[in-house]
mmCIF file of all heavy atoms, coordinates in Angstrom:
data_MODEL
# 
_entry.id   MODEL 
# 
loop_
_atom_site.group_PDB 
_atom_site.id 
_atom_site.type_symbol 
_atom_site.label_atom_id 
_atom_site.label_alt_id 
_atom_site.label_comp_id 
_atom_site.label_asym_id 
_atom_site.label_entity_id 
_atom_site.label_seq_id 
_atom_site.pdbx_PDB_ins_code 
_atom_site.Cartn_x 
_atom_site.Cartn_y 
_atom_site.Cartn_z 
_atom_site.occupancy 
_atom_site.B_iso_or_equiv 
_atom_site.pdbx_formal_charge 
_atom_site.auth_seq_id 
_atom_site.auth_comp_id 
_atom_site.auth_asym_id 
_atom_site.auth_atom_id 
_atom_site.pdbx_PDB_model_num 
ATOM 1   N N   . SER A 1 1  ? 0.857  -1.193 0.000  1.00 0.00 ? 1  SER A N   1 
ATOM 2   C CA  . SER A 1 1  ? 0.000  0.000  0.000  1.00 0.00 ? 1  SER A CA  1 
ATOM 3   C C   . SER A 1 1  ? 0.892  1.242  0.000  1.00 0.00 ? 1  SER A C   1 
ATOM 4   O O   . SER A 1 1  ? 1.897  1.292  0.712  1.00 0.00 ? 1  SER A O   1 
ATOM 5   C CB  . SER A 1 1  ? -0.904 -0.007 1.234  1.00 0.00 ? 1  SER A CB  1 
ATOM 6   O OG  . SER A 1 1  ? -1.732 -1.145 1.231  1.00 0.00 ? 1  SER A OG  1 
ATOM 7   N N   . THR A 1 2  ? 0.518  2.251  -0.791 1.00 0.00 ? 2  THR A N   1 
ATOM 8   C CA  . THR A 1 2  ? 1.445  3.339  -1.103 1.00 0.00 ? 2  THR A CA  1 
ATOM 9   C C   . THR A 1 2  ? 0.725  4.683  -1.181 1.00 0.00 ? 2  THR A C   1 
ATOM 10  O O   . THR A 1 2  ? -0.449 4.745  -1.547 1.00 0.00 ? 2  THR A O   1 
ATOM 11  C CB  . THR A 1 2  ? 2.122  3.063  -2.471 1.00 0.00 ? 2  THR A CB  1 
ATOM 12  O OG1 . THR A 1 2  ? 2.778  1.789  -2.425 1.00 0.00 ? 2  THR A OG1 1 
ATOM 13  C CG2 . THR A 1 2  ? 3.134  4.130  -2.842 1.00 0.00 ? 2  THR A CG2 1 
ATOM 14  N N   . VAL A 1 3  ? 1.453  5.750  -0.852 1.00 0.00 ? 3  VAL A N   1 
ATOM 15  C CA  . VAL A 1 3  ? 0.979  7.114  -1.095 1.00 0.00 ? 3  VAL A CA  1 
ATOM 16  C C   . VAL A 1 3  ? 2.046  7.844  -1.910 1.00 0.00 ? 3  VAL A C   1 
ATOM 17  O O   . VAL A 1 3  ? 3.228  7.817  -1.573 1.00 0.00 ? 3  VAL A O   1 
ATOM 18  C CB  . VAL A 1 3  ? 0.713  7.886  0.214  1.00 0.00 ? 3  VAL A CB  1 
ATOM 19  C CG1 . VAL A 1 3  ? 0.134  9.273  -0.103 1.00 0.00 ? 3  VAL A CG1 1 
ATOM 20  C CG2 . VAL A 1 3  ? -0.231 7.116  1.122  1.00 0.00 ? 3  VAL A CG2 1 
ATOM 21  N N   . VAL A 1 4  ? 1.603  8.490  -2.999 1.00 0.00 ? 4  VAL A N   1 
ATOM 22  C CA  . VAL A 1 4  ? 2.491  9.249  -3.882 1.00 0.00 ? 4  VAL A CA  1 
ATOM 23  C C   . VAL A 1 4  ? 2.024  10.704 -3.889 1.00 0.00 ? 4  VAL A C   1 
ATOM 24  O O   . VAL A 1 4  ? 0.825  10.978 -3.962 1.00 0.00 ? 4  VAL A O   1 
ATOM 25  C CB  . VAL A 1 4  ? 2.461  8.678  -5.315 1.00 0.00 ? 4  VAL A CB  1 
ATOM 26  C CG1 . VAL A 1 4  ? 3.361  9.489  -6.245 1.00 0.00 ? 4  VAL A CG1 1 
ATOM 27  C CG2 . VAL A 1 4  ? 2.893  7.215  -5.311 1.00 0.00 ? 4  VAL A CG2 1 
ATOM 28  N N   . ASN A 1 5  ? 2.986  11.635 -3.814 1.00 0.00 ? 5  ASN A N   1 
ATOM 29  C CA  . ASN A 1 5  ? 2.615  13.055 -3.820 1.00 0.00 ? 5  ASN A CA  1 
ATOM 30  C C   . ASN A 1 5  ? 2.566  13.608 -5.246 1.00 0.00 ? 5  ASN A C   1 
ATOM 31  O O   . ASN A 1 5  ? 2.919  12.914 -6.200 1.00 0.00 ? 5  ASN A O   1 
ATOM 32  C CB  . ASN A 1 5  ? 3.541  13.861 -2.903 1.00 0.00 ? 5  ASN A CB  1 
ATOM 33  C CG  . ASN A 1 5  ? 4.958  14.026 -3.449 1.00 0.00 ? 5  ASN A CG  1 
ATOM 34  O OD1 . ASN A 1 5  ? 5.236  13.767 -4.618 1.00 0.00 ? 5  ASN A OD1 1 
ATOM 35  N ND2 . ASN A 1 5  ? 5.869  14.466 -2.590 1.00 0.00 ? 5  ASN A ND2 1 
ATOM 36  N N   . PRO A 1 6  ? 2.125  14.859 -5.415 1.00 0.00 ? 6  PRO A N   1 
ATOM 37  C CA  . PRO A 1 6  ? 1.949  15.401 -6.771 1.00 0.00 ? 6  PRO A CA  1 
ATOM 38  C C   . PRO A 1 6  ? 3.254  15.581 -7.547 1.00 0.00 ? 6  PRO A C   1 
ATOM 39  O O   . PRO A 1 6  ? 3.212  15.839 -8.755 1.00 0.00 ? 6  PRO A O   1 
ATOM 40  C CB  . PRO A 1 6  ? 1.280  16.759 -6.516 1.00 0.00 ? 6  PRO A CB  1 
ATOM 41  C CG  . PRO A 1 6  ? 0.631  16.640 -5.185 1.00 0.00 ? 6  PRO A CG  1 
ATOM 42  C CD  . PRO A 1 6  ? 1.538  15.765 -4.396 1.00 0.00 ? 6  PRO A CD  1 
ATOM 43  N N   . TRP A 1 7  ? 4.387  15.450 -6.894 1.00 0.00 ? 7  TRP A N   1 
ATOM 44  C CA  . TRP A 1 7  ? 5.686  15.517 -7.551 1.00 0.00 ? 7  TRP A CA  1 
ATOM 45  C C   . TRP A 1 7  ? 6.116  14.141 -8.048 1.00 0.00 ? 7  TRP A C   1 
ATOM 46  O O   . TRP A 1 7  ? 7.150  13.980 -8.685 1.00 0.00 ? 7  TRP A O   1 
ATOM 47  C CB  . TRP A 1 7  ? 6.720  16.089 -6.593 1.00 0.00 ? 7  TRP A CB  1 
ATOM 48  C CG  . TRP A 1 7  ? 8.005  16.520 -7.218 1.00 0.00 ? 7  TRP A CG  1 
ATOM 49  C CD1 . TRP A 1 7  ? 9.215  15.880 -7.153 1.00 0.00 ? 7  TRP A CD1 1 
ATOM 50  C CD2 . TRP A 1 7  ? 8.244  17.690 -8.012 1.00 0.00 ? 7  TRP A CD2 1 
ATOM 51  N NE1 . TRP A 1 7  ? 10.180 16.573 -7.844 1.00 0.00 ? 7  TRP A NE1 1 
ATOM 52  C CE2 . TRP A 1 7  ? 9.609  17.697 -8.395 1.00 0.00 ? 7  TRP A CE2 1 
ATOM 53  C CE3 . TRP A 1 7  ? 7.416  18.743 -8.444 1.00 0.00 ? 7  TRP A CE3 1 
ATOM 54  C CZ2 . TRP A 1 7  ? 10.170 18.699 -9.179 1.00 0.00 ? 7  TRP A CZ2 1 
ATOM 55  C CZ3 . TRP A 1 7  ? 7.984  19.743 -9.221 1.00 0.00 ? 7  TRP A CZ3 1 
ATOM 56  C CH2 . TRP A 1 7  ? 9.342  19.718 -9.577 1.00 0.00 ? 7  TRP A CH2 1 
ATOM 57  N N   . GLY A 1 8  ? 5.312  13.125 -7.729 1.00 0.00 ? 8  GLY A N   1 
ATOM 58  C CA  . GLY A 1 8  ? 5.629  11.762 -8.134 1.00 0.00 ? 8  GLY A CA  1 
ATOM 59  C C   . GLY A 1 8  ? 6.489  11.008 -7.148 1.00 0.00 ? 8  GLY A C   1 
ATOM 60  O O   . GLY A 1 8  ? 6.979  9.916  -7.453 1.00 0.00 ? 8  GLY A O   1 
ATOM 61  N N   . GLU A 1 9  ? 6.669  11.560 -5.957 1.00 0.00 ? 9  GLU A N   1 
ATOM 62  C CA  . GLU A 1 9  ? 7.500  10.927 -4.934 1.00 0.00 ? 9  GLU A CA  1 
ATOM 63  C C   . GLU A 1 9  ? 6.665  9.975  -4.080 1.00 0.00 ? 9  GLU A C   1 
ATOM 64  O O   . GLU A 1 9  ? 5.544  10.321 -3.674 1.00 0.00 ? 9  GLU A O   1 
ATOM 65  C CB  . GLU A 1 9  ? 8.133  11.981 -4.029 1.00 0.00 ? 9  GLU A CB  1 
ATOM 66  C CG  . GLU A 1 9  ? 9.059  12.935 -4.732 1.00 0.00 ? 9  GLU A CG  1 
ATOM 67  C CD  . GLU A 1 9  ? 9.450  14.114 -3.857 1.00 0.00 ? 9  GLU A CD  1 
ATOM 68  O OE1 . GLU A 1 9  ? 8.597  14.654 -3.135 1.00 0.00 ? 9  GLU A OE1 1 
ATOM 69  O OE2 . GLU A 1 9  ? 10.644 14.499 -3.909 1.00 0.00 ? 9  GLU A OE2 1 
ATOM 70  N N   . VAL A 1 10 ? 7.210  8.800  -3.796 1.00 0.00 ? 10 VAL A N   1 
ATOM 71  C CA  . VAL A 1 10 ? 6.577  7.890  -2.848 1.00 0.00 ? 10 VAL A CA  1 
ATOM 72  C C   . VAL A 1 10 ? 6.864  8.401  -1.446 1.00 0.00 ? 10 VAL A C   1 
ATOM 73  O O   . VAL A 1 10 ? 8.023  8.456  -1.021 1.00 0.00 ? 10 VAL A O   1 
ATOM 74  C CB  . VAL A 1 10 ? 7.122  6.454  -3.017 1.00 0.00 ? 10 VAL A CB  1 
ATOM 75  C CG1 . VAL A 1 10 ? 6.552  5.545  -1.939 1.00 0.00 ? 10 VAL A CG1 1 
ATOM 76  C CG2 . VAL A 1 10 ? 6.778  5.921  -4.405 1.00 0.00 ? 10 VAL A CG2 1 
ATOM 77  N N   . ILE A 1 11 ? 5.819  8.804  -0.728 1.00 0.00 ? 11 ILE A N   1 
ATOM 78  C CA  . ILE A 1 11 ? 6.020  9.383  0.600  1.00 0.00 ? 11 ILE A CA  1 
ATOM 79  C C   . ILE A 1 11 ? 5.639  8.428  1.727  1.00 0.00 ? 11 ILE A C   1 
ATOM 80  O O   . ILE A 1 11 ? 5.931  8.692  2.892  1.00 0.00 ? 11 ILE A O   1 
ATOM 81  C CB  . ILE A 1 11 ? 5.264  10.719 0.752  1.00 0.00 ? 11 ILE A CB  1 
ATOM 82  C CG1 . ILE A 1 11 ? 3.764  10.554 0.475  1.00 0.00 ? 11 ILE A CG1 1 
ATOM 83  C CG2 . ILE A 1 11 ? 5.859  11.770 -0.175 1.00 0.00 ? 11 ILE A CG2 1 
ATOM 84  C CD1 . ILE A 1 11 ? 2.953  11.810 0.767  1.00 0.00 ? 11 ILE A CD1 1 
ATOM 85  N N   . ALA A 1 12 ? 5.006  7.321  1.392  1.00 0.00 ? 12 ALA A N   1 
ATOM 86  C CA  . ALA A 1 12 ? 4.696  6.288  2.386  1.00 0.00 ? 12 ALA A CA  1 
ATOM 87  C C   . ALA A 1 12 ? 4.465  4.981  1.643  1.00 0.00 ? 12 ALA A C   1 
ATOM 88  O O   . ALA A 1 12 ? 3.881  4.973  0.563  1.00 0.00 ? 12 ALA A O   1 
ATOM 89  C CB  . ALA A 1 12 ? 3.459  6.651  3.199  1.00 0.00 ? 12 ALA A CB  1 
ATOM 90  N N   . LYS A 1 13 ? 4.952  3.880  2.234  1.00 0.00 ? 13 LYS A N   1 
ATOM 91  C CA  . LYS A 1 13 ? 4.826  2.595  1.545  1.00 0.00 ? 13 LYS A CA  1 
ATOM 92  C C   . LYS A 1 13 ? 4.935  1.455  2.534  1.00 0.00 ? 13 LYS A C   1 
ATOM 93  O O   . LYS A 1 13 ? 5.821  1.438  3.393  1.00 0.00 ? 13 LYS A O   1 
ATOM 94  C CB  . LYS A 1 13 ? 5.918  2.466  0.478  1.00 0.00 ? 13 LYS A CB  1 
ATOM 95  C CG  . LYS A 1 13 ? 5.787  1.242  -0.420 1.00 0.00 ? 13 LYS A CG  1 
ATOM 96  C CD  . LYS A 1 13 ? 6.846  1.276  -1.504 1.00 0.00 ? 13 LYS A CD  1 
ATOM 97  C CE  . LYS A 1 13 ? 6.700  0.121  -2.475 1.00 0.00 ? 13 LYS A CE  1 
ATOM 98  N NZ  . LYS A 1 13 ? 7.715  0.191  -3.558 1.00 0.00 ? 13 LYS A NZ  1 
ATOM 99  N N   . ALA A 1 14 ? 4.048  0.486  2.415  1.00 0.00 ? 14 ALA A N   1 
ATOM 100 C CA  . ALA A 1 14 ? 4.083  -0.714 3.244  1.00 0.00 ? 14 ALA A CA  1 
ATOM 101 C C   . ALA A 1 14 ? 4.920  -1.789 2.564  1.00 0.00 ? 14 ALA A C   1 
ATOM 102 O O   . ALA A 1 14 ? 5.264  -1.681 1.381  1.00 0.00 ? 14 ALA A O   1 
ATOM 103 C CB  . ALA A 1 14 ? 2.665  -1.230 3.476  1.00 0.00 ? 14 ALA A CB  1 
ATOM 104 N N   . GLY A 1 15 ? 5.203  -2.839 3.308  1.00 0.00 ? 15 GLY A N   1 
ATOM 105 C CA  . GLY A 1 15 ? 5.776  -4.038 2.726  1.00 0.00 ? 15 GLY A CA  1 
ATOM 106 C C   . GLY A 1 15 ? 4.662  -4.994 2.355  1.00 0.00 ? 15 GLY A C   1 
ATOM 107 O O   . GLY A 1 15 ? 3.619  -4.580 1.839  1.00 0.00 ? 15 GLY A O   1 
ATOM 108 N N   . ALA A 1 16 ? 4.846  -6.270 2.650  1.00 0.00 ? 16 ALA A N   1 
ATOM 109 C CA  . ALA A 1 16 ? 3.842  -7.267 2.294  1.00 0.00 ? 16 ALA A CA  1 
ATOM 110 C C   . ALA A 1 16 ? 2.951  -7.644 3.471  1.00 0.00 ? 16 ALA A C   1 
ATOM 111 O O   . ALA A 1 16 ? 1.873  -8.206 3.288  1.00 0.00 ? 16 ALA A O   1 
ATOM 112 C CB  . ALA A 1 16 ? 4.531  -8.525 1.760  1.00 0.00 ? 16 ALA A CB  1 
ATOM 113 N N   . GLU A 1 17 ? 3.366  -7.324 4.685  1.00 0.00 ? 17 GLU A N   1 
ATOM 114 C CA  . GLU A 1 17 ? 2.681  -7.795 5.888  1.00 0.00 ? 17 GLU A CA  1 
ATOM 115 C C   . GLU A 1 17 ? 1.516  -6.884 6.278  1.00 0.00 ? 17 GLU A C   1 
ATOM 116 O O   . GLU A 1 17 ? 1.369  -5.783 5.748  1.00 0.00 ? 17 GLU A O   1 
ATOM 117 C CB  . GLU A 1 17 ? 3.677  -7.845 7.051  1.00 0.00 ? 17 GLU A CB  1 
ATOM 118 C CG  . GLU A 1 17 ? 4.118  -6.486 7.587  1.00 0.00 ? 17 GLU A CG  1 
ATOM 119 C CD  . GLU A 1 17 ? 5.049  -5.699 6.667  1.00 0.00 ? 17 GLU A CD  1 
ATOM 120 O OE1 . GLU A 1 17 ? 5.632  -6.308 5.744  1.00 0.00 ? 17 GLU A OE1 1 
ATOM 121 O OE2 . GLU A 1 17 ? 5.194  -4.470 6.868  1.00 0.00 ? 17 GLU A OE2 1 
ATOM 122 N N   . GLU A 1 18 ? 0.684  -7.360 7.222  1.00 0.00 ? 18 GLU A N   1 
ATOM 123 C CA  . GLU A 1 18 ? -0.396 -6.517 7.733  1.00 0.00 ? 18 GLU A CA  1 
ATOM 124 C C   . GLU A 1 18 ? 0.192  -5.329 8.477  1.00 0.00 ? 18 GLU A C   1 
ATOM 125 O O   . GLU A 1 18 ? 1.077  -5.485 9.323  1.00 0.00 ? 18 GLU A O   1 
ATOM 126 C CB  . GLU A 1 18 ? -1.305 -7.310 8.673  1.00 0.00 ? 18 GLU A CB  1 
ATOM 127 C CG  . GLU A 1 18 ? -2.443 -6.460 9.250  1.00 0.00 ? 18 GLU A CG  1 
ATOM 128 C CD  . GLU A 1 18 ? -3.448 -7.260 10.064 1.00 0.00 ? 18 GLU A CD  1 
ATOM 129 O OE1 . GLU A 1 18 ? -4.281 -7.947 9.465  1.00 0.00 ? 18 GLU A OE1 1 
ATOM 130 O OE2 . GLU A 1 18 ? -3.379 -7.188 11.313 1.00 0.00 ? 18 GLU A OE2 1 
ATOM 131 N N   . THR A 1 19 ? -0.302 -4.138 8.150  1.00 0.00 ? 19 THR A N   1 
ATOM 132 C CA  . THR A 1 19 ? 0.197  -2.921 8.792  1.00 0.00 ? 19 THR A CA  1 
ATOM 133 C C   . THR A 1 19 ? -0.770 -1.788 8.515  1.00 0.00 ? 19 THR A C   1 
ATOM 134 O O   . THR A 1 19 ? -1.695 -1.926 7.708  1.00 0.00 ? 19 THR A O   1 
ATOM 135 C CB  . THR A 1 19 ? 1.606  -2.561 8.271  1.00 0.00 ? 19 THR A CB  1 
ATOM 136 O OG1 . THR A 1 19 ? 2.144  -1.502 9.054  1.00 0.00 ? 19 THR A OG1 1 
ATOM 137 C CG2 . THR A 1 19 ? 1.559  -2.142 6.807  1.00 0.00 ? 19 THR A CG2 1 
ATOM 138 N N   . VAL A 1 20 ? -0.562 -0.667 9.182  1.00 0.00 ? 20 VAL A N   1 
ATOM 139 C CA  . VAL A 1 20 ? -1.292 0.563  8.887  1.00 0.00 ? 20 VAL A CA  1 
ATOM 140 C C   . VAL A 1 20 ? -0.273 1.615  8.455  1.00 0.00 ? 20 VAL A C   1 
ATOM 141 O O   . VAL A 1 20 ? 0.705  1.862  9.160  1.00 0.00 ? 20 VAL A O   1 
ATOM 142 C CB  . VAL A 1 20 ? -2.092 1.068  10.104 1.00 0.00 ? 20 VAL A CB  1 
ATOM 143 C CG1 . VAL A 1 20 ? -2.866 2.339  9.730  1.00 0.00 ? 20 VAL A CG1 1 
ATOM 144 C CG2 . VAL A 1 20 ? -3.055 -0.004 10.598 1.00 0.00 ? 20 VAL A CG2 1 
ATOM 145 N N   . VAL A 1 21 ? -0.485 2.189  7.280  1.00 0.00 ? 21 VAL A N   1 
ATOM 146 C CA  . VAL A 1 21 ? 0.403  3.206  6.730  1.00 0.00 ? 21 VAL A CA  1 
ATOM 147 C C   . VAL A 1 21 ? -0.206 4.584  7.003  1.00 0.00 ? 21 VAL A C   1 
ATOM 148 O O   . VAL A 1 21 ? -1.367 4.828  6.684  1.00 0.00 ? 21 VAL A O   1 
ATOM 149 C CB  . VAL A 1 21 ? 0.579  3.018  5.211  1.00 0.00 ? 21 VAL A CB  1 
ATOM 150 C CG1 . VAL A 1 21 ? 1.452  4.122  4.619  1.00 0.00 ? 21 VAL A CG1 1 
ATOM 151 C CG2 . VAL A 1 21 ? 1.173  1.657  4.913  1.00 0.00 ? 21 VAL A CG2 1 
ATOM 152 N N   . TYR A 1 22 ? 0.598  5.465  7.589  1.00 0.00 ? 22 TYR A N   1 
ATOM 153 C CA  . TYR A 1 22 ? 0.145  6.821  7.877  1.00 0.00 ? 22 TYR A CA  1 
ATOM 154 C C   . TYR A 1 22 ? 0.938  7.825  7.050  1.00 0.00 ? 22 TYR A C   1 
ATOM 155 O O   . TYR A 1 22 ? 2.151  7.666  6.861  1.00 0.00 ? 22 TYR A O   1 
ATOM 156 C CB  . TYR A 1 22 ? 0.347  7.168  9.356  1.00 0.00 ? 22 TYR A CB  1 
ATOM 157 C CG  . TYR A 1 22 ? -0.439 6.313  10.306 1.00 0.00 ? 22 TYR A CG  1 
ATOM 158 C CD1 . TYR A 1 22 ? 0.115  5.162  10.863 1.00 0.00 ? 22 TYR A CD1 1 
ATOM 159 C CD2 . TYR A 1 22 ? -1.741 6.653  10.679 1.00 0.00 ? 22 TYR A CD2 1 
ATOM 160 C CE1 . TYR A 1 22 ? -0.601 4.372  11.749 1.00 0.00 ? 22 TYR A CE1 1 
ATOM 161 C CE2 . TYR A 1 22 ? -2.467 5.871  11.559 1.00 0.00 ? 22 TYR A CE2 1 
ATOM 162 C CZ  . TYR A 1 22 ? -1.889 4.723  12.092 1.00 0.00 ? 22 TYR A CZ  1 
ATOM 163 O OH  . TYR A 1 22 ? -2.602 3.947  12.968 1.00 0.00 ? 22 TYR A OH  1 
ATOM 164 N N   . THR A 1 23 ? 0.258  8.859  6.593  1.00 0.00 ? 23 THR A N   1 
ATOM 165 C CA  . THR A 1 23 ? 0.959  9.966  5.952  1.00 0.00 ? 23 THR A CA  1 
ATOM 166 C C   . THR A 1 23 ? 0.109  11.217 6.071  1.00 0.00 ? 23 THR A C   1 
ATOM 167 O O   . THR A 1 23 ? -1.114 11.142 6.194  1.00 0.00 ? 23 THR A O   1 
ATOM 168 C CB  . THR A 1 23 ? 1.256  9.671  4.471  1.00 0.00 ? 23 THR A CB  1 
ATOM 169 O OG1 . THR A 1 23 ? 2.165  10.645 3.966  1.00 0.00 ? 23 THR A OG1 1 
ATOM 170 C CG2 . THR A 1 23 ? -0.007 9.699  3.628  1.00 0.00 ? 23 THR A CG2 1 
ATOM 171 N N   . ASP A 1 24 ? 0.773  12.368 6.041  1.00 0.00 ? 24 ASP A N   1 
ATOM 172 C CA  . ASP A 1 24 ? 0.069  13.646 6.089  1.00 0.00 ? 24 ASP A CA  1 
ATOM 173 C C   . ASP A 1 24 ? -0.049 14.202 4.680  1.00 0.00 ? 24 ASP A C   1 
ATOM 174 O O   . ASP A 1 24 ? 0.949  14.345 3.964  1.00 0.00 ? 24 ASP A O   1 
ATOM 175 C CB  . ASP A 1 24 ? 0.809  14.636 7.005  1.00 0.00 ? 24 ASP A CB  1 
ATOM 176 C CG  . ASP A 1 24 ? 0.753  14.208 8.463  1.00 0.00 ? 24 ASP A CG  1 
ATOM 177 O OD1 . ASP A 1 24 ? -0.315 13.723 8.883  1.00 0.00 ? 24 ASP A OD1 1 
ATOM 178 O OD2 . ASP A 1 24 ? 1.762  14.358 9.171  1.00 0.00 ? 24 ASP A OD2 1 
ATOM 179 N N   . ILE A 1 25 ? -1.271 14.495 4.267  1.00 0.00 ? 25 ILE A N   1 
ATOM 180 C CA  . ILE A 1 25 ? -1.540 15.063 2.953  1.00 0.00 ? 25 ILE A CA  1 
ATOM 181 C C   . ILE A 1 25 ? -1.402 16.581 3.056  1.00 0.00 ? 25 ILE A C   1 
ATOM 182 O O   . ILE A 1 25 ? -2.155 17.233 3.784  1.00 0.00 ? 25 ILE A O   1 
ATOM 183 C CB  . ILE A 1 25 ? -2.955 14.669 2.472  1.00 0.00 ? 25 ILE A CB  1 
ATOM 184 C CG1 . ILE A 1 25 ? -3.099 13.143 2.418  1.00 0.00 ? 25 ILE A CG1 1 
ATOM 185 C CG2 . ILE A 1 25 ? -3.251 15.308 1.120  1.00 0.00 ? 25 ILE A CG2 1 
ATOM 186 C CD1 . ILE A 1 25 ? -2.164 12.452 1.464  1.00 0.00 ? 25 ILE A CD1 1 
# 
């Protein structure tokens, strides 16, 4: 699971395991 910003940068990313990904928009 991933979050990408408008510049195309990955700013948060999970691996394969169960987790919660947090990021500030």
